[in-house]
Protein backbone atom coordinates (compact mmCIF):
# COMPACT_ATOMS: atom_id res chain seq x y z
CA MET A 1 0.00 0.00 0.00
CA LYS A 2 1.34 3.42 -0.89
CA ASP A 3 2.22 5.61 2.07
CA ILE A 4 -0.37 8.34 2.57
CA GLY A 5 1.07 9.68 5.79
CA SER A 6 2.29 13.25 6.15
CA GLY A 7 5.59 12.55 4.35
CA GLY A 8 3.96 10.62 1.54
CA PHE A 9 1.21 13.21 1.23
CA LEU A 10 3.66 16.08 0.89
CA LYS A 11 5.75 14.12 -1.59
CA ASN A 12 2.81 13.24 -3.83
CA TYR A 13 1.34 16.74 -3.69
CA LYS A 14 4.71 18.43 -4.19
CA SER A 15 4.06 19.39 -7.81
CA ILE A 16 0.61 20.81 -7.08
CA MET A 17 1.89 22.70 -4.05
CA LEU A 18 4.70 24.17 -6.11
CA LEU A 19 2.22 25.20 -8.81
CA LEU A 20 -0.08 26.80 -6.25
CA GLY A 21 2.94 28.46 -4.64
CA GLY A 22 4.00 29.87 -7.99
CA ILE A 23 0.49 31.12 -8.71
CA LEU A 24 0.27 32.71 -5.24
CA ALA A 25 3.67 34.36 -5.56
CA GLY A 26 2.77 35.66 -9.01
CA SER A 27 -0.56 36.98 -7.76
CA ILE A 28 1.16 38.88 -4.95
CA LEU A 29 3.65 40.38 -7.38
CA GLY A 30 0.78 41.42 -9.65
CA LEU A 31 -1.10 43.05 -6.78
CA VAL A 32 1.96 44.88 -5.51
CA PHE A 33 3.56 46.07 -8.74
CA GLY A 34 0.55 46.26 -11.06
CA LYS A 35 1.32 46.72 -14.74
CA GLU A 36 5.06 46.78 -14.04
CA VAL A 37 5.00 42.96 -13.84
CA GLU A 38 4.55 42.86 -17.60
CA VAL A 39 8.31 42.40 -17.66
CA LEU A 40 7.70 38.84 -16.34
CA LYS A 41 5.43 37.87 -19.22
CA PRO A 42 8.27 36.37 -21.33
CA LEU A 43 8.83 33.75 -18.60
CA GLY A 44 5.25 32.59 -19.02
CA ASP A 45 5.57 32.64 -22.80
CA ILE A 46 8.75 30.54 -22.70
CA PHE A 47 7.03 27.90 -20.56
CA LEU A 48 4.03 27.75 -22.90
CA ASN A 49 6.25 27.50 -25.98
CA LEU A 50 8.19 24.61 -24.46
CA LEU A 51 4.91 22.89 -23.67
CA PHE A 52 3.57 23.47 -27.18
CA THR A 53 6.65 21.97 -28.85
CA ALA A 54 6.51 18.83 -26.67
CA ILE A 55 2.80 18.17 -27.15
CA ILE A 56 2.86 16.89 -30.73
CA PRO A 57 5.44 14.07 -30.36
CA LEU A 58 4.07 13.22 -26.92
CA VAL A 59 0.53 12.65 -28.20
CA PHE A 60 1.76 10.64 -31.18
CA PHE A 61 3.97 8.27 -29.21
CA THR A 62 1.52 7.86 -26.31
CA ILE A 63 -1.47 6.87 -28.45
CA SER A 64 0.34 4.81 -31.07
CA ALA A 65 2.38 2.92 -28.45
CA SER A 66 -0.74 2.16 -26.41
CA ILE A 67 -2.56 0.71 -29.43
CA ALA A 68 0.50 -1.21 -30.64
CA THR A 69 0.64 -3.17 -27.37
CA LEU A 70 -3.03 -4.18 -27.17
CA GLU A 71 -2.71 -7.85 -28.16
CA LYS A 72 -3.53 -9.28 -24.75
CA THR A 73 -6.39 -6.87 -24.19
CA GLU A 74 -8.04 -7.68 -27.52
CA LYS A 75 -8.19 -11.38 -26.61
CA LEU A 76 -10.51 -10.58 -23.73
CA GLY A 77 -13.34 -10.40 -26.26
CA LYS A 78 -16.77 -9.94 -24.72
CA LEU A 79 -15.46 -8.82 -21.33
CA PHE A 80 -13.39 -6.13 -22.97
CA LEU A 81 -16.46 -4.80 -24.81
CA ILE A 82 -18.45 -4.71 -21.56
CA VAL A 83 -15.65 -2.84 -19.82
CA ILE A 84 -15.41 -0.22 -22.57
CA GLY A 85 -19.21 0.16 -22.60
CA VAL A 86 -19.31 0.77 -18.84
CA PHE A 87 -16.41 3.22 -19.06
CA LEU A 88 -18.10 5.23 -21.82
CA PHE A 89 -21.42 5.21 -19.96
CA THR A 90 -20.09 6.65 -16.69
CA VAL A 91 -17.83 9.17 -18.45
CA LEU A 92 -20.75 10.51 -20.50
CA VAL A 93 -23.10 10.58 -17.49
CA SER A 94 -20.58 12.55 -15.44
CA ALA A 95 -19.93 14.97 -18.32
CA ILE A 96 -23.66 15.48 -18.97
CA LEU A 97 -24.22 16.20 -15.26
CA MET A 98 -21.55 18.90 -15.38
CA VAL A 99 -23.12 20.35 -18.53
CA VAL A 100 -26.44 20.56 -16.67
CA GLY A 101 -24.67 22.27 -13.79
CA VAL A 102 -23.14 24.84 -16.12
CA LEU A 103 -26.50 25.47 -17.81
CA ILE A 104 -28.26 25.97 -14.46
CA PHE A 105 -25.45 28.11 -13.02
CA PRO A 106 -23.91 29.92 -16.03
CA ILE A 107 -20.32 31.09 -15.77
CA HIS A 108 -19.83 34.80 -16.44
CA GLN A 109 -16.36 36.35 -16.72
CA ASP A 110 -17.00 39.94 -17.68
CA ILE A 111 -13.63 41.14 -16.40
CA ILE A 112 -11.73 38.85 -18.74
CA ILE A 113 -14.17 39.26 -21.62
CA SER A 114 -13.74 43.02 -21.63
CA LYS A 115 -9.97 42.68 -22.05
CA ILE A 116 -9.89 40.17 -24.93
CA PRO A 117 -10.66 41.18 -28.52
CA LEU A 118 -13.42 38.85 -29.59
CA GLU A 119 -12.65 39.10 -33.28
CA ILE A 120 -9.57 36.89 -32.86
CA VAL A 121 -11.79 33.88 -32.12
CA ALA A 122 -12.21 31.74 -35.21
CA GLU A 123 -15.74 31.20 -36.42
CA SER A 124 -16.56 27.56 -37.05
CA SER A 125 -18.43 26.31 -40.11
CA THR A 126 -19.79 22.99 -41.26
CA GLY A 127 -18.66 20.72 -44.09
CA SER A 128 -14.99 21.41 -44.73
CA GLU A 129 -14.49 22.22 -41.04
CA ILE A 130 -15.07 18.55 -40.15
CA THR A 131 -12.51 17.47 -42.74
CA GLN A 132 -9.97 19.95 -41.41
CA LEU A 133 -10.50 18.77 -37.84
CA LEU A 134 -10.10 15.05 -38.63
CA THR A 135 -7.40 15.11 -41.31
CA ALA A 136 -4.48 17.13 -42.66
CA GLY A 137 -3.54 17.67 -46.29
CA ASP A 138 0.16 16.92 -45.79
CA PHE A 139 2.19 15.00 -43.23
CA TYR A 140 4.03 18.08 -41.99
CA GLU A 141 0.69 19.70 -41.12
CA LEU A 142 0.21 17.02 -38.46
CA LEU A 143 3.12 18.62 -36.62
CA SER A 144 1.04 21.71 -35.89
CA ARG A 145 -0.97 21.92 -32.69
CA LYS A 146 -3.75 23.42 -34.79
CA ASN A 147 -4.39 19.91 -36.16
CA MET A 148 -4.47 18.06 -32.83
CA LEU A 149 -7.53 15.94 -33.62
CA ALA A 150 -6.06 14.90 -36.98
CA LEU A 151 -2.84 13.91 -35.18
CA ILE A 152 -4.80 11.79 -32.68
CA LEU A 153 -6.62 9.96 -35.49
CA PHE A 154 -3.33 9.41 -37.34
CA SER A 155 -1.68 8.12 -34.15
CA PHE A 156 -4.48 5.59 -33.66
CA LEU A 157 -4.05 4.37 -37.24
CA VAL A 158 -0.27 4.03 -36.83
CA GLY A 159 -0.79 2.06 -33.63
CA PHE A 160 -3.26 -0.31 -35.30
CA ALA A 161 -0.97 -0.72 -38.31
CA SER A 162 1.88 -1.67 -35.98
CA LEU A 163 -0.39 -4.12 -34.19
CA GLN A 164 -1.48 -5.74 -37.46
CA SER A 165 2.12 -6.08 -38.65
CA GLY A 166 2.82 -8.87 -36.15
CA GLU A 167 6.44 -9.90 -35.69
CA LYS A 168 7.59 -7.76 -38.58
CA GLY A 169 6.38 -4.70 -36.71
CA ASN A 170 7.98 -5.60 -33.37
CA ASP A 171 10.97 -3.29 -33.87
CA PHE A 172 8.71 -0.37 -34.77
CA SER A 173 6.47 -1.14 -31.80
CA ARG A 174 9.48 -1.05 -29.48
CA PHE A 175 10.47 2.27 -31.07
CA LEU A 176 7.00 3.65 -30.27
CA GLN A 177 7.22 2.45 -26.67
CA SER A 178 10.71 3.87 -26.28
CA GLY A 179 9.62 7.18 -27.78
CA ASN A 180 6.65 7.24 -25.43
CA GLU A 181 8.90 6.92 -22.38
CA VAL A 182 11.30 9.58 -23.66
CA MET A 183 8.53 12.07 -24.37
CA LYS A 184 6.95 11.47 -20.96
CA GLN A 185 10.28 12.33 -19.37
CA LEU A 186 10.55 15.42 -21.57
CA LEU A 187 7.15 16.63 -20.43
CA HIS A 188 8.15 15.92 -16.83
CA ILE A 189 11.24 18.10 -17.28
CA ILE A 190 9.25 20.92 -18.85
CA MET A 191 6.63 20.77 -16.10
CA GLN A 192 9.38 21.41 -13.55
CA THR A 193 9.31 25.00 -14.82
CA ALA A 194 5.51 25.27 -14.48
CA PRO A 195 5.55 27.07 -11.08
CA VAL A 196 7.70 29.82 -12.59
CA GLY A 197 5.87 29.89 -15.91
CA LEU A 198 2.34 29.92 -14.51
CA GLY A 199 3.46 32.23 -11.71
CA ALA A 200 4.71 34.73 -14.28
CA TYR A 201 1.51 34.35 -16.28
CA PHE A 202 -0.68 34.90 -13.23
CA ALA A 203 1.42 37.89 -12.16
CA TYR A 204 0.77 39.40 -15.58
CA GLN A 205 -2.95 38.60 -15.41
CA VAL A 206 -3.42 40.10 -11.95
CA GLY A 207 -1.19 43.06 -12.73
CA ILE A 208 -3.08 43.93 -15.93
CA PHE A 209 -6.64 42.90 -15.05
CA GLY A 210 -6.59 43.66 -11.33
CA PRO A 211 -7.54 41.62 -8.23
CA GLN A 212 -11.03 41.11 -9.64
CA LEU A 213 -9.44 38.27 -11.61
CA PHE A 214 -9.76 35.98 -8.56
CA GLY A 215 -13.52 36.25 -8.71
CA ALA A 216 -13.42 34.94 -12.27
CA TYR A 217 -12.11 31.58 -11.03
CA ALA A 218 -14.15 31.36 -7.83
CA LYS A 219 -17.50 30.45 -9.39
CA PRO A 220 -16.31 27.73 -11.80
CA LEU A 221 -14.24 26.13 -9.03
CA GLY A 222 -17.15 26.23 -6.59
CA LEU A 223 -19.48 24.81 -9.23
CA TYR A 224 -17.05 22.02 -10.09
CA TYR A 225 -16.56 20.86 -6.52
CA ALA A 226 -20.28 21.05 -5.76
CA VAL A 227 -21.35 19.05 -8.83
CA CYS A 228 -18.56 16.51 -8.31
CA ALA A 229 -19.53 16.00 -4.66
CA PHE A 230 -23.13 15.43 -5.76
CA TYR A 231 -22.00 12.96 -8.44
CA PHE A 232 -19.73 11.13 -6.00
CA ILE A 233 -22.38 10.65 -3.32
CA VAL A 234 -25.58 10.28 -5.33
CA PHE A 235 -24.50 8.66 -8.60
CA PHE A 236 -21.89 6.33 -7.14
CA SER A 237 -24.54 5.17 -4.68
CA LEU A 238 -26.92 4.62 -7.60
CA TYR A 239 -24.27 2.71 -9.56
CA ALA A 240 -23.54 0.52 -6.53
CA TYR A 241 -27.26 -0.20 -6.12
CA MET A 242 -27.56 -1.03 -9.83
CA ALA A 243 -24.63 -3.42 -9.51
CA GLY A 244 -25.70 -5.26 -6.37
CA GLY A 245 -28.84 -3.81 -4.81
CA LYS A 246 -28.78 -2.82 -1.14
CA LEU A 247 -25.88 -5.19 -0.54
CA GLY A 248 -23.91 -3.56 -3.35
CA PHE A 249 -24.54 -0.13 -1.78
CA LYS A 250 -23.25 -1.30 1.60
CA VAL A 251 -20.26 -3.17 0.17
CA PHE A 252 -19.11 -0.22 -1.93
CA TRP A 253 -19.22 2.43 0.77
CA LYS A 254 -17.66 0.09 3.31
CA ASN A 255 -14.65 -0.74 1.14
CA ASN A 256 -13.95 2.44 -0.83
CA ILE A 257 -12.50 4.44 2.08
CA THR A 258 -8.89 3.34 1.62
CA PRO A 259 -8.96 3.80 -2.18
CA SER A 260 -10.48 7.26 -1.68
CA LEU A 261 -7.80 8.34 0.80
CA THR A 262 -5.10 6.89 -1.43
CA ALA A 263 -6.46 8.80 -4.45
CA ILE A 264 -6.49 12.07 -2.53
CA GLY A 265 -3.15 11.38 -0.89
CA THR A 266 -1.33 10.43 -4.10
CA CYS A 267 -3.33 12.53 -6.58
CA SER A 268 -2.78 9.72 -9.08
CA SER A 269 -5.14 7.12 -10.51
CA ILE A 270 -2.17 4.92 -11.36
CA ALA A 271 -0.89 5.03 -7.78
CA THR A 272 -4.36 4.06 -6.53
CA ILE A 273 -4.39 0.76 -8.48
CA PRO A 274 -3.14 -1.36 -5.53
CA ALA A 275 -5.72 0.12 -3.15
CA ASN A 276 -8.47 -0.34 -5.74
CA LEU A 277 -7.51 -3.97 -6.34
CA ASP A 278 -7.55 -4.62 -2.60
CA GLY A 279 -10.94 -2.90 -2.27
CA ALA A 280 -12.34 -4.82 -5.23
CA GLU A 281 -11.21 -8.09 -3.67
CA LYS A 282 -12.95 -7.20 -0.40
CA MET A 283 -16.09 -6.43 -2.43
CA ASN A 284 -15.85 -9.97 -3.81
CA ILE A 285 -15.56 -8.79 -7.39
CA PRO A 286 -14.33 -11.81 -9.40
CA ALA A 287 -10.56 -11.82 -9.93
CA HIS A 288 -10.77 -12.07 -13.72
CA ILE A 289 -12.89 -8.90 -13.71
CA ARG A 290 -11.10 -6.77 -11.13
CA ASN A 291 -7.69 -7.64 -12.61
CA VAL A 292 -8.83 -6.24 -15.96
CA VAL A 293 -11.09 -3.31 -15.02
CA ILE A 294 -8.87 -1.68 -12.39
CA PRO A 295 -5.55 -1.59 -14.29
CA LEU A 296 -7.28 -0.73 -17.57
CA GLY A 297 -9.46 1.93 -15.94
CA ALA A 298 -6.60 3.85 -14.36
CA PRO A 299 -5.33 5.23 -17.69
CA LEU A 300 -8.53 5.01 -19.76
CA HIS A 301 -11.45 5.84 -17.46
CA LYS A 302 -11.74 9.36 -16.03
CA ASP A 303 -15.09 10.51 -14.65
CA GLY A 304 -13.52 13.41 -12.75
CA SER A 305 -11.43 14.49 -15.72
CA SER A 306 -14.48 14.44 -18.00
CA MET A 307 -16.24 16.81 -15.62
CA SER A 308 -13.20 19.09 -15.39
CA SER A 309 -13.02 19.10 -19.19
CA ILE A 310 -16.55 20.48 -19.37
CA ILE A 311 -15.91 23.19 -16.77
CA LYS A 312 -12.72 24.27 -18.55
CA ILE A 313 -14.52 24.52 -21.90
CA ALA A 314 -17.32 26.53 -20.27
CA VAL A 315 -14.79 28.91 -18.72
CA ILE A 316 -12.98 29.40 -22.02
CA PHE A 317 -16.27 30.12 -23.79
CA ALA A 318 -17.11 32.68 -21.08
CA MET A 319 -13.68 34.28 -21.44
CA PHE A 320 -14.33 35.04 -25.09
CA GLY A 321 -18.01 35.86 -24.72
CA LYS A 322 -19.13 32.81 -26.69
CA ASP A 323 -22.39 30.91 -26.21
CA PHE A 324 -21.83 27.53 -24.55
CA THR A 325 -25.50 26.54 -24.72
CA ASP A 326 -25.53 25.75 -28.46
CA PRO A 327 -26.41 22.03 -28.92
CA ILE A 328 -23.53 21.46 -31.37
CA THR A 329 -21.11 23.05 -28.91
CA ILE A 330 -22.33 20.80 -26.10
CA LEU A 331 -22.22 17.64 -28.22
CA THR A 332 -18.68 18.52 -29.32
CA ALA A 333 -17.71 19.07 -25.68
CA LEU A 334 -19.05 15.63 -24.76
CA GLY A 335 -17.04 14.09 -27.59
CA ILE A 336 -13.92 15.88 -26.40
CA THR A 337 -14.38 14.53 -22.86
CA VAL A 338 -14.36 10.96 -24.18
CA VAL A 339 -11.18 11.56 -26.17
CA VAL A 340 -9.55 13.36 -23.23
CA SER A 341 -10.37 10.45 -20.93
CA VAL A 342 -8.32 8.14 -23.16
CA VAL A 343 -5.59 10.50 -24.35
CA GLU A 344 -4.50 11.79 -20.96
CA GLY A 345 -4.10 8.32 -19.46
CA GLY A 346 -0.55 7.50 -18.40
CA ILE A 347 0.74 10.99 -19.23
CA PRO A 348 2.01 13.20 -16.40
CA ASN A 349 -0.22 16.29 -16.35
CA GLY A 350 -2.09 14.65 -19.21
CA GLY A 351 -5.13 16.85 -18.70
CA TYR A 352 -3.22 19.63 -20.44
CA ILE A 353 -3.33 17.54 -23.61
CA GLY A 354 -7.11 17.57 -23.41
CA GLU A 355 -7.15 21.30 -22.83
CA ILE A 356 -5.08 21.89 -25.94
CA LEU A 357 -7.37 19.59 -27.93
CA ALA A 358 -10.48 21.46 -26.79
CA ILE A 359 -8.96 24.86 -27.55
CA THR A 360 -7.88 23.64 -30.98
CA VAL A 361 -11.25 22.16 -31.89
CA TYR A 362 -13.15 25.31 -30.96
CA GLY A 363 -10.61 27.62 -32.60
CA PHE A 364 -9.67 29.75 -29.60
CA PRO A 365 -6.25 31.45 -29.36
CA MET A 366 -3.99 29.02 -27.51
CA GLU A 367 -1.78 31.58 -25.81
CA GLN A 368 -4.71 33.17 -23.97
CA ALA A 369 -6.99 30.20 -23.35
CA LEU A 370 -4.50 27.51 -22.25
CA PRO A 371 -3.06 29.17 -19.11
CA ALA A 372 -6.54 29.78 -17.67
CA ALA A 373 -7.51 26.15 -18.33
CA MET A 374 -4.27 24.93 -16.77
CA ILE A 375 -4.86 26.94 -13.60
CA ILE A 376 -8.36 25.51 -13.21
CA GLY A 377 -7.02 22.02 -13.95
CA THR A 378 -4.47 22.36 -11.15
CA LEU A 379 -7.05 23.52 -8.62
CA VAL A 380 -9.58 20.75 -9.39
CA ASP A 381 -7.03 17.91 -9.58
CA PRO A 382 -7.63 16.35 -6.10
CA MET A 383 -11.39 16.01 -6.62
CA ALA A 384 -10.88 14.82 -10.20
CA THR A 385 -8.51 12.09 -9.03
CA LEU A 386 -10.96 10.97 -6.36
CA LEU A 387 -13.69 10.48 -8.96
CA ASN A 388 -11.30 8.92 -11.48
CA ALA A 389 -10.05 6.28 -9.04
CA ASN A 390 -13.37 5.50 -7.38
CA GLY A 391 -14.97 5.40 -10.80
CA ASP A 392 -12.78 2.40 -11.64
CA LEU A 393 -13.95 0.61 -8.51
CA ILE A 394 -17.62 1.24 -9.16
CA SER A 395 -17.15 0.27 -12.83
CA ALA A 396 -15.73 -3.09 -11.75
CA MET A 397 -18.95 -3.70 -9.82
CA LEU A 398 -21.07 -2.77 -12.85
CA VAL A 399 -19.02 -5.01 -15.13
CA ALA A 400 -19.42 -7.90 -12.67
CA ARG A 401 -23.18 -7.34 -12.65
CA ILE A 402 -23.39 -7.46 -16.46
CA ALA A 403 -20.90 -10.27 -17.02
CA GLU A 404 -21.78 -12.52 -14.06
CA GLY A 405 -25.49 -11.88 -13.57
CA LYS A 406 -27.52 -10.13 -10.88
CA LYS A 407 -26.61 -12.63 -8.17
CA TRP A 408 -22.85 -12.24 -8.52
CA LEU A 409 -22.46 -10.40 -5.22
CA SER A 410 -24.99 -12.26 -3.07
CA GLU A 411 -23.62 -15.63 -4.15
CA LYS A 412 -20.09 -14.60 -3.31
CA VAL A 413 -21.00 -13.09 0.04
CA LEU A 414 -23.00 -16.13 1.08
CA VAL A 415 -20.10 -18.51 0.41
């Protein structure tokens, strides 16, 4: 079991604490020196440029390597399909709930809106716009962050091609896996500069826009935590009841305490795998199910991240004075949450990949939209991880119910 004591807690939250420290320090500088902190803006720009240049190869290697090593997973057949179906169901339910929350409690950011020229936001169209989002005319165009969705589709195809090549593609598959590890380390190195980069950005924001900027983040953060708490208590209880009736409800809430504390203490779905497996065993979830759902869910199943994706998109739309309530906009946002849930798995700070994808799809200026989304992503990370990790546990129960029948839990408990 991973240590979640004071030392372990501080170690696992070190990156978030440093980010928050950088943001706080930058905010203080902005309040004290006002517009004079504009001299710090290049530090923020350098950080963002480093991040932009690392994103393209990182996304390619991560997705293609993941697909290229799917042989064992594909052999799971029917169980694998059930698992994916359950994952998609809970991710979409969580995202839709957040959309409802945003529609009931709209996010207004007049301070930021008044400072950003709205004409720089690209207007979307139908027809050729879909082609441009999904494909690129030349290979080199895939290397632009403006074609992120096309890159993701291409990466999936490369991964499948490697998988279909069998032994002849083994060397290329190893190259993809090696590249994936290298690019993860590169992103880790770049993110070491995030406290300074985001601190400089926030100093500039506060210095230029004034202390009212804090109010712009207060409502979306409050809305996110409130809706997530509701989803965690109400919907997870409902899922547990669907999986095993009253007994399922009792078993889930009795055995999810350690996984929950581990998720909060480590702020990592991957690090919560051992606690989730132990909890699933105590819930009497069959071994062949828990040993598939839990490890597979950690990188691929993100209820909390899907909800944070919606709130970030809503905030960005508010920043630029755009209407988030359009049905096409909402449907696109739901589609993005599904992609984000898969793409960010196994990548340190992988949520930033999803933010860049969302900004690209909607045509917003990256330099202005990404830092705001990153700040929100940092502040919602603990709650998002809690839902991500516990979502894997509750999904294992639902998969057991579908695959083993409605008496799976009662029969096991009575033995």
